[in-house]
Amino acid sequence: MDIIFKNQKFQKIVNSQKLLVQEHGDRQAQRIRRRLDELRAAATLEDLHYLPQARCHELTGNRRGQLSLDLVHPYRLIIVPANEPVPRKADGGLDWSHVTAVLVLGVEDTHD
């Protein structure tokens, strides 16, 4: 899967182990790296359904359209589909099997 980052600063941080550990700590840095590796290895977003440890799921409310992947609690890696147009099912829901690119928004506590 193709991965695009929201901004160059975050991309620079996640592409440098030293900066990633400085910003997020060792344990969180390992989880972020693992989730990004899982995204890169996946052909489509649907492949992440087979990885229960990632717990990839769609968010609701004011975060509708975003997806969340588990990191170290309570933090999540927040992504959105980057395909244009966003693949949809007949019922209007996201068609995970056709999402081949994601935009990484960042690491957040979605429970705030």
PDB file of N, CA and C in Angstrom:
ATOM      1  N   MET A   1       0.846  -1.171   0.000  1.00  0.00           N
ATOM      2  CA  MET A   1       0.000   0.000   0.000  1.00  0.00           C
ATOM      3  C   MET A   1       0.892   1.235   0.000  1.00  0.00           C
ATOM      4  N   ASP A   2       0.427   2.256  -0.671  1.00  0.00           N
ATOM      5  CA  ASP A   2       1.157   3.524  -0.700  1.00  0.00           C
ATOM      6  C   ASP A   2       0.828   4.318   0.565  1.00  0.00           C
ATOM      7  N   ILE A   3       1.858   4.941   1.136  1.00  0.00           N
ATOM      8  CA  ILE A   3       1.677   5.749   2.348  1.00  0.00           C
ATOM      9  C   ILE A   3       2.136   7.168   2.052  1.00  0.00           C
ATOM     10  N   ILE A   4       1.254   8.115   2.353  1.00  0.00           N
ATOM     11  CA  ILE A   4       1.533   9.538   2.203  1.00  0.00           C
ATOM     12  C   ILE A   4       1.434  10.137   3.600  1.00  0.00           C
ATOM     13  N   PHE A   5       2.262  11.100   3.895  1.00  0.00           N
ATOM     14  CA  PHE A   5       2.229  11.725   5.217  1.00  0.00           C
ATOM     15  C   PHE A   5       1.638  13.122   5.138  1.00  0.00           C
ATOM     16  N   LYS A   6       0.947  13.503   6.203  1.00  0.00           N
ATOM     17  CA  LYS A   6       0.267  14.797   6.274  1.00  0.00           C
ATOM     18  C   LYS A   6       1.238  15.948   6.060  1.00  0.00           C
ATOM     19  N   ASN A   7       2.424  15.826   6.661  1.00  0.00           N
ATOM     20  CA  ASN A   7       3.414  16.880   6.494  1.00  0.00           C
ATOM     21  C   ASN A   7       4.829  16.295   6.530  1.00  0.00           C
ATOM     22  N   GLN A   8       5.774  17.065   6.050  1.00  0.00           N
ATOM     23  CA  GLN A   8       7.159  16.600   5.962  1.00  0.00           C
ATOM     24  C   GLN A   8       7.786  16.411   7.330  1.00  0.00           C
ATOM     25  N   LYS A   9       7.364  17.206   8.314  1.00  0.00           N
ATOM     26  CA  LYS A   9       7.934  17.075   9.656  1.00  0.00           C
ATOM     27  C   LYS A   9       7.652  15.686  10.221  1.00  0.00           C
ATOM     28  N   PHE A  10       6.389  15.240  10.133  1.00  0.00           N
ATOM     29  CA  PHE A  10       6.047  13.924  10.661  1.00  0.00           C
ATOM     30  C   PHE A  10       6.746  12.830   9.856  1.00  0.00           C
ATOM     31  N   GLN A  11       6.824  12.993   8.541  1.00  0.00           N
ATOM     32  CA  GLN A  11       7.509  12.021   7.696  1.00  0.00           C
ATOM     33  C   GLN A  11       8.991  11.906   8.088  1.00  0.00           C
ATOM     34  N   LYS A  12       9.619  13.031   8.365  1.00  0.00           N
ATOM     35  CA  LYS A  12      11.022  13.031   8.768  1.00  0.00           C
ATOM     36  C   LYS A  12      11.191  12.300  10.100  1.00  0.00           C
ATOM     37  N   ILE A  13      10.276  12.525  11.037  1.00  0.00           N
ATOM     38  CA  ILE A  13      10.352  11.877  12.348  1.00  0.00           C
ATOM     39  C   ILE A  13      10.226  10.363  12.210  1.00  0.00           C
ATOM     40  N   VAL A  14       9.223   9.880  11.473  1.00  0.00           N
ATOM     41  CA  VAL A  14       9.014   8.432  11.383  1.00  0.00           C
ATOM     42  C   VAL A  14      10.069   7.733  10.534  1.00  0.00           C
ATOM     43  N   ASN A  15      10.794   8.472   9.707  1.00  0.00           N
ATOM     44  CA  ASN A  15      11.850   7.867   8.906  1.00  0.00           C
ATOM     45  C   ASN A  15      13.210   7.895   9.586  1.00  0.00           C
ATOM     46  N   SER A  16      13.266   8.408  10.806  1.00  0.00           N
ATOM     47  CA  SER A  16      14.496   8.427  11.590  1.00  0.00           C
ATOM     48  C   SER A  16      14.211   7.773  12.936  1.00  0.00           C
ATOM     49  N   GLN A  17      14.833   6.634  13.182  1.00  0.00           N
ATOM     50  CA  GLN A  17      14.615   5.933  14.449  1.00  0.00           C
ATOM     51  C   GLN A  17      14.968   6.826  15.641  1.00  0.00           C
ATOM     52  N   LYS A  18      16.049   7.579  15.528  1.00  0.00           N
ATOM     53  CA  LYS A  18      16.483   8.461  16.615  1.00  0.00           C
ATOM     54  C   LYS A  18      15.413   9.518  16.921  1.00  0.00           C
ATOM     55  N   LEU A  19      14.915  10.188  15.882  1.00  0.00           N
ATOM     56  CA  LEU A  19      13.888  11.210  16.085  1.00  0.00           C
ATOM     57  C   LEU A  19      12.579  10.605  16.581  1.00  0.00           C
ATOM     58  N   LEU A  20      12.240   9.423  16.075  1.00  0.00           N
ATOM     59  CA  LEU A  20      11.012   8.754  16.485  1.00  0.00           C
ATOM     60  C   LEU A  20      11.051   8.412  17.973  1.00  0.00           C
ATOM     61  N   VAL A  21      12.178   7.907  18.448  1.00  0.00           N
ATOM     62  CA  VAL A  21      12.322   7.572  19.870  1.00  0.00           C
ATOM     63  C   VAL A  21      12.321   8.841  20.716  1.00  0.00           C
ATOM     64  N   GLN A  22      12.984   9.895  20.257  1.00  0.00           N
ATOM     65  CA  GLN A  22      12.994  11.167  20.995  1.00  0.00           C
ATOM     66  C   GLN A  22      11.590  11.733  21.141  1.00  0.00           C
ATOM     67  N   GLU A  23      10.806  11.643  20.089  1.00  0.00           N
ATOM     68  CA  GLU A  23       9.467  12.228  20.067  1.00  0.00           C
ATOM     69  C   GLU A  23       8.436  11.393  20.834  1.00  0.00           C
ATOM     70  N   HIS A  24       8.536  10.057  20.726  1.00  0.00           N
ATOM     71  CA  HIS A  24       7.471   9.200  21.241  1.00  0.00           C
ATOM     72  C   HIS A  24       7.919   8.165  22.271  1.00  0.00           C
ATOM     73  N   GLY A  25       9.206   8.053  22.545  1.00  0.00           N
ATOM     74  CA  GLY A  25       9.690   7.036  23.463  1.00  0.00           C
ATOM     75  C   GLY A  25       9.918   5.717  22.730  1.00  0.00           C
ATOM     76  N   ASP A  26      10.702   4.834  23.337  1.00  0.00           N
ATOM     77  CA  ASP A  26      11.125   3.600  22.681  1.00  0.00           C
ATOM     78  C   ASP A  26       9.960   2.666  22.350  1.00  0.00           C
ATOM     79  N   ARG A  27       9.102   2.402  23.325  1.00  0.00           N
ATOM     80  CA  ARG A  27       7.995   1.451  23.112  1.00  0.00           C
ATOM     81  C   ARG A  27       7.016   1.952  22.049  1.00  0.00           C
ATOM     82  N   GLN A  28       6.647   3.225  22.145  1.00  0.00           N
ATOM     83  CA  GLN A  28       5.722   3.800  21.162  1.00  0.00           C
ATOM     84  C   GLN A  28       6.367   3.843  19.768  1.00  0.00           C
ATOM     85  N   ALA A  29       7.658   4.158  19.712  1.00  0.00           N
ATOM     86  CA  ALA A  29       8.367   4.202  18.432  1.00  0.00           C
ATOM     87  C   ALA A  29       8.331   2.835  17.757  1.00  0.00           C
ATOM     88  N   GLN A  30       8.495   1.771  18.531  1.00  0.00           N
ATOM     89  CA  GLN A  30       8.431   0.419  17.974  1.00  0.00           C
ATOM     90  C   GLN A  30       7.049   0.136  17.395  1.00  0.00           C
ATOM     91  N   ARG A  31       6.005   0.535  18.109  1.00  0.00           N
ATOM     92  CA  ARG A  31       4.638   0.298  17.620  1.00  0.00           C
ATOM     93  C   ARG A  31       4.338   1.109  16.368  1.00  0.00           C
ATOM     94  N   ILE A  32       4.774   2.352  16.332  1.00  0.00           N
ATOM     95  CA  ILE A  32       4.553   3.187  15.145  1.00  0.00           C
ATOM     96  C   ILE A  32       5.242   2.555  13.940  1.00  0.00           C
ATOM     97  N   ARG A  33       6.487   2.172  14.126  1.00  0.00           N
ATOM     98  CA  ARG A  33       7.245   1.539  13.046  1.00  0.00           C
ATOM     99  C   ARG A  33       6.548   0.257  12.575  1.00  0.00           C
ATOM    100  N   ARG A  34       6.053  -0.558  13.522  1.00  0.00           N
ATOM    101  CA  ARG A  34       5.366  -1.806  13.180  1.00  0.00           C
ATOM    102  C   ARG A  34       4.107  -1.528  12.356  1.00  0.00           C
ATOM    103  N   ARG A  35       3.311  -0.554  12.794  1.00  0.00           N
ATOM    104  CA  ARG A  35       2.073  -0.246  12.062  1.00  0.00           C
ATOM    105  C   ARG A  35       2.373   0.266  10.651  1.00  0.00           C
ATOM    106  N   LEU A  36       3.390   1.094  10.505  1.00  0.00           N
ATOM    107  CA  LEU A  36       3.752   1.593   9.173  1.00  0.00           C
ATOM    108  C   LEU A  36       4.259   0.452   8.296  1.00  0.00           C
ATOM    109  N   ASP A  37       5.013  -0.475   8.877  1.00  0.00           N
ATOM    110  CA  ASP A  37       5.476  -1.646   8.119  1.00  0.00           C
ATOM    111  C   ASP A  37       4.289  -2.503   7.682  1.00  0.00           C
ATOM    112  N   GLU A  38       3.302  -2.668   8.561  1.00  0.00           N
ATOM    113  CA  GLU A  38       2.108  -3.440   8.217  1.00  0.00           C
ATOM    114  C   GLU A  38       1.329  -2.772   7.091  1.00  0.00           C
ATOM    115  N   LEU A  39       1.230  -1.449   7.141  1.00  0.00           N
ATOM    116  CA  LEU A  39       0.553  -0.716   6.071  1.00  0.00           C
ATOM    117  C   LEU A  39       1.291  -0.888   4.744  1.00  0.00           C
ATOM    118  N   ARG A  40       2.618  -0.773   4.771  1.00  0.00           N
ATOM    119  CA  ARG A  40       3.404  -0.916   3.537  1.00  0.00           C
ATOM    120  C   ARG A  40       3.263  -2.319   2.947  1.00  0.00           C
ATOM    121  N   ALA A  41       3.196  -3.323   3.805  1.00  0.00           N
ATOM    122  CA  ALA A  41       3.119  -4.714   3.351  1.00  0.00           C
ATOM    123  C   ALA A  41       1.733  -5.089   2.818  1.00  0.00           C
ATOM    124  N   ALA A  42       0.716  -4.358   3.228  1.00  0.00           N
ATOM    125  CA  ALA A  42      -0.658  -4.679   2.822  1.00  0.00           C
ATOM    126  C   ALA A  42      -0.906  -4.243   1.380  1.00  0.00           C
ATOM    127  N   ALA A  43      -1.631  -5.089   0.640  1.00  0.00           N
ATOM    128  CA  ALA A  43      -2.021  -4.707  -0.721  1.00  0.00           C
ATOM    129  C   ALA A  43      -3.182  -3.719  -0.665  1.00  0.00           C
ATOM    130  N   THR A  44      -4.114  -3.967   0.255  1.00  0.00           N
ATOM    131  CA  THR A  44      -5.259  -3.072   0.458  1.00  0.00           C
ATOM    132  C   THR A  44      -5.503  -2.926   1.957  1.00  0.00           C
ATOM    133  N   LEU A  45      -6.340  -1.988   2.302  1.00  0.00           N
ATOM    134  CA  LEU A  45      -6.680  -1.764   3.706  1.00  0.00           C
ATOM    135  C   LEU A  45      -7.364  -2.984   4.315  1.00  0.00           C
ATOM    136  N   GLU A  46      -8.060  -3.741   3.505  1.00  0.00           N
ATOM    137  CA  GLU A  46      -8.753  -4.933   3.996  1.00  0.00           C
ATOM    138  C   GLU A  46      -7.780  -5.946   4.609  1.00  0.00           C
ATOM    139  N   ASP A  47      -6.543  -5.976   4.140  1.00  0.00           N
ATOM    140  CA  ASP A  47      -5.545  -6.893   4.692  1.00  0.00           C
ATOM    141  C   ASP A  47      -5.315  -6.662   6.183  1.00  0.00           C
ATOM    142  N   LEU A  48      -5.553  -5.450   6.651  1.00  0.00           N
ATOM    143  CA  LEU A  48      -5.341  -5.154   8.074  1.00  0.00           C
ATOM    144  C   LEU A  48      -6.399  -5.792   8.961  1.00  0.00           C
ATOM    145  N   HIS A  49      -7.525  -6.221   8.377  1.00  0.00           N
ATOM    146  CA  HIS A  49      -8.547  -6.938   9.151  1.00  0.00           C
ATOM    147  C   HIS A  49      -8.000  -8.260   9.687  1.00  0.00           C
ATOM    148  N   TYR A  50      -6.982  -8.802   9.021  1.00  0.00           N
ATOM    149  CA  TYR A  50      -6.405 -10.080   9.427  1.00  0.00           C
ATOM    150  C   TYR A  50      -5.305  -9.907  10.464  1.00  0.00           C
ATOM    151  N   LEU A  51      -5.085  -8.676  10.903  1.00  0.00           N
ATOM    152  CA  LEU A  51      -4.087  -8.385  11.933  1.00  0.00           C
ATOM    153  C   LEU A  51      -4.795  -7.843  13.170  1.00  0.00           C
ATOM    154  N   PRO A  52      -5.256  -8.734  14.043  1.00  0.00           N
ATOM    155  CA  PRO A  52      -6.027  -8.266  15.204  1.00  0.00           C
ATOM    156  C   PRO A  52      -5.255  -7.313  16.112  1.00  0.00           C
ATOM    157  N   GLN A  53      -3.928  -7.427  16.148  1.00  0.00           N
ATOM    158  CA  GLN A  53      -3.142  -6.544  17.011  1.00  0.00           C
ATOM    159  C   GLN A  53      -3.193  -5.090  16.543  1.00  0.00           C
ATOM    160  N   ALA A  54      -3.447  -4.864  15.253  1.00  0.00           N
ATOM    161  CA  ALA A  54      -3.534  -3.495  14.729  1.00  0.00           C
ATOM    162  C   ALA A  54      -4.876  -2.861  15.058  1.00  0.00           C
ATOM    163  N   ARG A  55      -5.910  -3.687  15.167  1.00  0.00           N
ATOM    164  CA  ARG A  55      -7.274  -3.231  15.477  1.00  0.00           C
ATOM    165  C   ARG A  55      -7.647  -1.988  14.654  1.00  0.00           C
ATOM    166  N   CYS A  56      -7.483  -2.110  13.353  1.00  0.00           N
ATOM    167  CA  CYS A  56      -7.829  -1.016  12.449  1.00  0.00           C
ATOM    168  C   CYS A  56      -9.348  -0.895  12.380  1.00  0.00           C
ATOM    169  N   HIS A  57      -9.842   0.308  12.636  1.00  0.00           N
ATOM    170  CA  HIS A  57     -11.287   0.513  12.601  1.00  0.00           C
ATOM    171  C   HIS A  57     -11.610   1.952  12.210  1.00  0.00           C
ATOM    172  N   GLU A  58     -12.820   2.112  11.665  1.00  0.00           N
ATOM    173  CA  GLU A  58     -13.289   3.439  11.271  1.00  0.00           C
ATOM    174  C   GLU A  58     -13.755   4.196  12.507  1.00  0.00           C
ATOM    175  N   LEU A  59     -13.486   5.481  12.517  1.00  0.00           N
ATOM    176  CA  LEU A  59     -13.915   6.325  13.627  1.00  0.00           C
ATOM    177  C   LEU A  59     -15.264   6.957  13.293  1.00  0.00           C
ATOM    178  N   THR A  60     -15.913   7.467  14.308  1.00  0.00           N
ATOM    179  CA  THR A  60     -17.253   8.049  14.138  1.00  0.00           C
ATOM    180  C   THR A  60     -17.271   9.484  14.644  1.00  0.00           C
ATOM    181  N   GLY A  61     -18.422  10.084  14.583  1.00  0.00           N
ATOM    182  CA  GLY A  61     -18.604  11.456  15.088  1.00  0.00           C
ATOM    183  C   GLY A  61     -17.823  12.454  14.271  1.00  0.00           C
ATOM    184  N   ASN A  62     -17.123  13.353  14.966  1.00  0.00           N
ATOM    185  CA  ASN A  62     -16.371  14.403  14.261  1.00  0.00           C
ATOM    186  C   ASN A  62     -15.110  13.860  13.584  1.00  0.00           C
ATOM    187  N   ARG A  63     -14.823  12.579  13.776  1.00  0.00           N
ATOM    188  CA  ARG A  63     -13.682  11.935  13.121  1.00  0.00           C
ATOM    189  C   ARG A  63     -14.129  10.987  12.007  1.00  0.00           C
ATOM    190  N   ARG A  64     -15.373  11.126  11.585  1.00  0.00           N
ATOM    191  CA  ARG A  64     -15.910  10.285  10.509  1.00  0.00           C
ATOM    192  C   ARG A  64     -15.020  10.408   9.272  1.00  0.00           C
ATOM    193  N   GLY A  65     -14.717   9.279   8.653  1.00  0.00           N
ATOM    194  CA  GLY A  65     -13.835   9.254   7.492  1.00  0.00           C
ATOM    195  C   GLY A  65     -12.406   8.909   7.843  1.00  0.00           C
ATOM    196  N   GLN A  66     -12.074   8.968   9.125  1.00  0.00           N
ATOM    197  CA  GLN A  66     -10.734   8.610   9.579  1.00  0.00           C
ATOM    198  C   GLN A  66     -10.735   7.176  10.095  1.00  0.00           C
ATOM    199  N   LEU A  67      -9.560   6.564  10.084  1.00  0.00           N
ATOM    200  CA  LEU A  67      -9.387   5.227  10.634  1.00  0.00           C
ATOM    201  C   LEU A  67      -8.287   5.280  11.684  1.00  0.00           C
ATOM    202  N   SER A  68      -8.341   4.335  12.593  1.00  0.00           N
ATOM    203  CA  SER A  68      -7.427   4.312  13.724  1.00  0.00           C
ATOM    204  C   SER A  68      -6.757   2.949  13.804  1.00  0.00           C
ATOM    205  N   LEU A  69      -5.449   2.945  14.095  1.00  0.00           N
ATOM    206  CA  LEU A  69      -4.704   1.714  14.352  1.00  0.00           C
ATOM    207  C   LEU A  69      -4.104   1.824  15.747  1.00  0.00           C
ATOM    208  N   ASP A  70      -4.206   0.751  16.518  1.00  0.00           N
ATOM    209  CA  ASP A  70      -3.713   0.762  17.892  1.00  0.00           C
ATOM    210  C   ASP A  70      -2.202   0.934  17.973  1.00  0.00           C
ATOM    211  N   LEU A  71      -1.795   1.752  18.931  1.00  0.00           N
ATOM    212  CA  LEU A  71      -0.391   1.892  19.311  1.00  0.00           C
ATOM    213  C   LEU A  71      -0.336   1.539  20.793  1.00  0.00           C
ATOM    214  N   VAL A  72       0.475   2.247  21.573  1.00  0.00           N
ATOM    215  CA  VAL A  72       0.482   2.053  23.021  1.00  0.00           C
ATOM    216  C   VAL A  72      -0.661   2.882  23.587  1.00  0.00           C
ATOM    217  N   HIS A  73      -1.558   2.229  24.323  1.00  0.00           N
ATOM    218  CA  HIS A  73      -2.755   2.889  24.859  1.00  0.00           C
ATOM    219  C   HIS A  73      -2.397   4.171  25.585  1.00  0.00           C
ATOM    220  N   PRO A  74      -3.090   5.254  25.366  1.00  0.00           N
ATOM    221  CA  PRO A  74      -4.316   5.446  24.619  1.00  0.00           C
ATOM    222  C   PRO A  74      -4.098   5.979  23.201  1.00  0.00           C
ATOM    223  N   TYR A  75      -2.881   5.906  22.700  1.00  0.00           N
ATOM    224  CA  TYR A  75      -2.562   6.537  21.414  1.00  0.00           C
ATOM    225  C   TYR A  75      -2.888   5.648  20.219  1.00  0.00           C
ATOM    226  N   ARG A  76      -3.210   6.308  19.117  1.00  0.00           N
ATOM    227  CA  ARG A  76      -3.581   5.639  17.875  1.00  0.00           C
ATOM    228  C   ARG A  76      -2.880   6.335  16.704  1.00  0.00           C
ATOM    229  N   LEU A  77      -2.592   5.546  15.667  1.00  0.00           N
ATOM    230  CA  LEU A  77      -2.101   6.087  14.405  1.00  0.00           C
ATOM    231  C   LEU A  77      -3.339   6.392  13.574  1.00  0.00           C
ATOM    232  N   ILE A  78      -3.521   7.646  13.200  1.00  0.00           N
ATOM    233  CA  ILE A  78      -4.724   8.083  12.486  1.00  0.00           C
ATOM    234  C   ILE A  78      -4.412   8.189  10.994  1.00  0.00           C
ATOM    235  N   ILE A  79      -5.263   7.530  10.181  1.00  0.00           N
ATOM    236  CA  ILE A  79      -5.091   7.526   8.736  1.00  0.00           C
ATOM    237  C   ILE A  79      -6.423   7.835   8.051  1.00  0.00           C
ATOM    238  N   VAL A  80      -6.345   8.226   6.800  1.00  0.00           N
ATOM    239  CA  VAL A  80      -7.531   8.377   5.942  1.00  0.00           C
ATOM    240  C   VAL A  80      -7.187   7.785   4.580  1.00  0.00           C
ATOM    241  N   PRO A  81      -8.183   7.257   3.876  1.00  0.00           N
ATOM    242  CA  PRO A  81      -7.923   6.752   2.522  1.00  0.00           C
ATOM    243  C   PRO A  81      -7.428   7.891   1.630  1.00  0.00           C
ATOM    244  N   ALA A  82      -6.428   7.596   0.803  1.00  0.00           N
ATOM    245  CA  ALA A  82      -5.863   8.625  -0.078  1.00  0.00           C
ATOM    246  C   ALA A  82      -6.232   8.390  -1.535  1.00  0.00           C
ATOM    247  N   ASN A  83      -7.010   7.357  -1.812  1.00  0.00           N
ATOM    248  CA  ASN A  83      -7.450   7.119  -3.190  1.00  0.00           C
ATOM    249  C   ASN A  83      -8.419   8.224  -3.601  1.00  0.00           C
ATOM    250  N   GLU A  84      -8.334   8.638  -4.843  1.00  0.00           N
ATOM    251  CA  GLU A  84      -9.266   9.626  -5.386  1.00  0.00           C
ATOM    252  C   GLU A  84     -10.022   9.017  -6.535  1.00  0.00           C
ATOM    253  N   PRO A  85     -11.307   8.890  -6.490  1.00  0.00           N
ATOM    254  CA  PRO A  85     -12.169   9.133  -5.330  1.00  0.00           C
ATOM    255  C   PRO A  85     -12.036   8.004  -4.314  1.00  0.00           C
ATOM    256  N   VAL A  86     -12.487   8.277  -3.106  1.00  0.00           N
ATOM    257  CA  VAL A  86     -12.452   7.265  -2.046  1.00  0.00           C
ATOM    258  C   VAL A  86     -13.386   6.126  -2.449  1.00  0.00           C
ATOM    259  N   PRO A  87     -12.890   4.876  -2.456  1.00  0.00           N
ATOM    260  CA  PRO A  87     -13.736   3.743  -2.858  1.00  0.00           C
ATOM    261  C   PRO A  87     -14.903   3.536  -1.892  1.00  0.00           C
ATOM    262  N   ARG A  88     -16.099   3.420  -2.439  1.00  0.00           N
ATOM    263  CA  ARG A  88     -17.309   3.237  -1.635  1.00  0.00           C
ATOM    264  C   ARG A  88     -18.061   2.001  -2.075  1.00  0.00           C
ATOM    265  N   LYS A  89     -18.749   1.375  -1.136  1.00  0.00           N
ATOM    266  CA  LYS A  89     -19.653   0.266  -1.427  1.00  0.00           C
ATOM    267  C   LYS A  89     -20.983   0.850  -1.882  1.00  0.00           C
ATOM    268  N   ALA A  90     -21.867  -0.009  -2.348  1.00  0.00           N
ATOM    269  CA  ALA A  90     -23.185   0.437  -2.814  1.00  0.00           C
ATOM    270  C   ALA A  90     -23.973   1.133  -1.703  1.00  0.00           C
ATOM    271  N   ASP A  91     -23.763   0.703  -0.449  1.00  0.00           N
ATOM    272  CA  ASP A  91     -24.483   1.315   0.677  1.00  0.00           C
ATOM    273  C   ASP A  91     -23.838   2.615   1.165  1.00  0.00           C
ATOM    274  N   GLY A  92     -22.728   3.035   0.532  1.00  0.00           N
ATOM    275  CA  GLY A  92     -22.067   4.278   0.906  1.00  0.00           C
ATOM    276  C   GLY A  92     -20.906   4.106   1.859  1.00  0.00           C
ATOM    277  N   GLY A  93     -20.738   2.911   2.412  1.00  0.00           N
ATOM    278  CA  GLY A  93     -19.629   2.650   3.330  1.00  0.00           C
ATOM    279  C   GLY A  93     -18.302   2.546   2.593  1.00  0.00           C
ATOM    280  N   LEU A  94     -17.232   2.641   3.343  1.00  0.00           N
ATOM    281  CA  LEU A  94     -15.886   2.557   2.785  1.00  0.00           C
ATOM    282  C   LEU A  94     -15.619   1.138   2.275  1.00  0.00           C
ATOM    283  N   ASP A  95     -15.133   1.018   1.060  1.00  0.00           N
ATOM    284  CA  ASP A  95     -14.784  -0.283   0.483  1.00  0.00           C
ATOM    285  C   ASP A  95     -13.300  -0.545   0.763  1.00  0.00           C
ATOM    286  N   TRP A  96     -13.032  -1.196   1.878  1.00  0.00           N
ATOM    287  CA  TRP A  96     -11.667  -1.451   2.337  1.00  0.00           C
ATOM    288  C   TRP A  96     -10.858  -2.240   1.316  1.00  0.00           C
ATOM    289  N   SER A  97     -11.520  -3.065   0.533  1.00  0.00           N
ATOM    290  CA  SER A  97     -10.807  -3.926  -0.419  1.00  0.00           C
ATOM    291  C   SER A  97     -10.249  -3.156  -1.618  1.00  0.00           C
ATOM    292  N   HIS A  98     -10.616  -1.898  -1.772  1.00  0.00           N
ATOM    293  CA  HIS A  98     -10.120  -1.093  -2.885  1.00  0.00           C
ATOM    294  C   HIS A  98      -9.273   0.097  -2.441  1.00  0.00           C
ATOM    295  N   VAL A  99      -9.028   0.226  -1.143  1.00  0.00           N
ATOM    296  CA  VAL A  99      -8.166   1.301  -0.647  1.00  0.00           C
ATOM    297  C   VAL A  99      -6.718   0.838  -0.770  1.00  0.00           C
ATOM    298  N   THR A 100      -5.963   1.470  -1.652  1.00  0.00           N
ATOM    299  CA  THR A 100      -4.579   1.077  -1.907  1.00  0.00           C
ATOM    300  C   THR A 100      -3.573   2.155  -1.506  1.00  0.00           C
ATOM    301  N   ALA A 101      -4.066   3.254  -0.946  1.00  0.00           N
ATOM    302  CA  ALA A 101      -3.202   4.348  -0.513  1.00  0.00           C
ATOM    303  C   ALA A 101      -3.840   5.022   0.698  1.00  0.00           C
ATOM    304  N   VAL A 102      -3.000   5.397   1.659  1.00  0.00           N
ATOM    305  CA  VAL A 102      -3.503   6.087   2.850  1.00  0.00           C
ATOM    306  C   VAL A 102      -2.665   7.320   3.140  1.00  0.00           C
ATOM    307  N   LEU A 103      -3.313   8.288   3.758  1.00  0.00           N
ATOM    308  CA  LEU A 103      -2.658   9.500   4.239  1.00  0.00           C
ATOM    309  C   LEU A 103      -2.560   9.371   5.754  1.00  0.00           C
ATOM    310  N   VAL A 104      -1.337   9.423   6.284  1.00  0.00           N
ATOM    311  CA  VAL A 104      -1.124   9.335   7.730  1.00  0.00           C
ATOM    312  C   VAL A 104      -1.239  10.745   8.299  1.00  0.00           C
ATOM    313  N   LEU A 105      -2.216  10.929   9.193  1.00  0.00           N
ATOM    314  CA  LEU A 105      -2.431  12.246   9.811  1.00  0.00           C
ATOM    315  C   LEU A 105      -1.554  12.450  11.027  1.00  0.00           C
ATOM    316  N   GLY A 106      -1.258  11.375  11.763  1.00  0.00           N
ATOM    317  CA  GLY A 106      -0.399  11.505  12.928  1.00  0.00           C
ATOM    318  C   GLY A 106      -0.742  10.535  14.021  1.00  0.00           C
ATOM    319  N   VAL A 107      -0.165  10.764  15.186  1.00  0.00           N
ATOM    320  CA  VAL A 107      -0.375   9.959  16.387  1.00  0.00           C
ATOM    321  C   VAL A 107      -1.181  10.800  17.358  1.00  0.00           C
ATOM    322  N   GLU A 108      -2.334  10.271  17.784  1.00  0.00           N
ATOM    323  CA  GLU A 108      -3.223  11.048  18.653  1.00  0.00           C
ATOM    324  C   GLU A 108      -3.895  10.151  19.681  1.00  0.00           C
ATOM    325  N   ASP A 109      -4.361  10.779  20.752  1.00  0.00           N
ATOM    326  CA  ASP A 109      -5.249  10.124  21.705  1.00  0.00           C
ATOM    327  C   ASP A 109      -6.656  10.514  21.274  1.00  0.00           C
ATOM    328  N   THR A 110      -7.371   9.579  20.674  1.00  0.00           N
ATOM    329  CA  THR A 110      -8.709   9.885  20.158  1.00  0.00           C
ATOM    330  C   THR A 110      -9.765   9.949  21.251  1.00  0.00           C
ATOM    331  N   HIS A 111      -9.373   9.687  22.481  1.00  0.00           N
ATOM    332  CA  HIS A 111     -10.327   9.689  23.588  1.00  0.00           C
ATOM    333  C   HIS A 111     -10.441  11.043  24.283  1.00  0.00           C
ATOM    334  N   ASP A 112      -9.663  12.020  23.819  1.00  0.00           N
ATOM    335  CA  ASP A 112      -9.715  13.375  24.434  1.00  0.00           C
ATOM    336  C   ASP A 112     -10.997  14.080  24.066  1.00  0.00           C
TER     337      ASP A 112
END
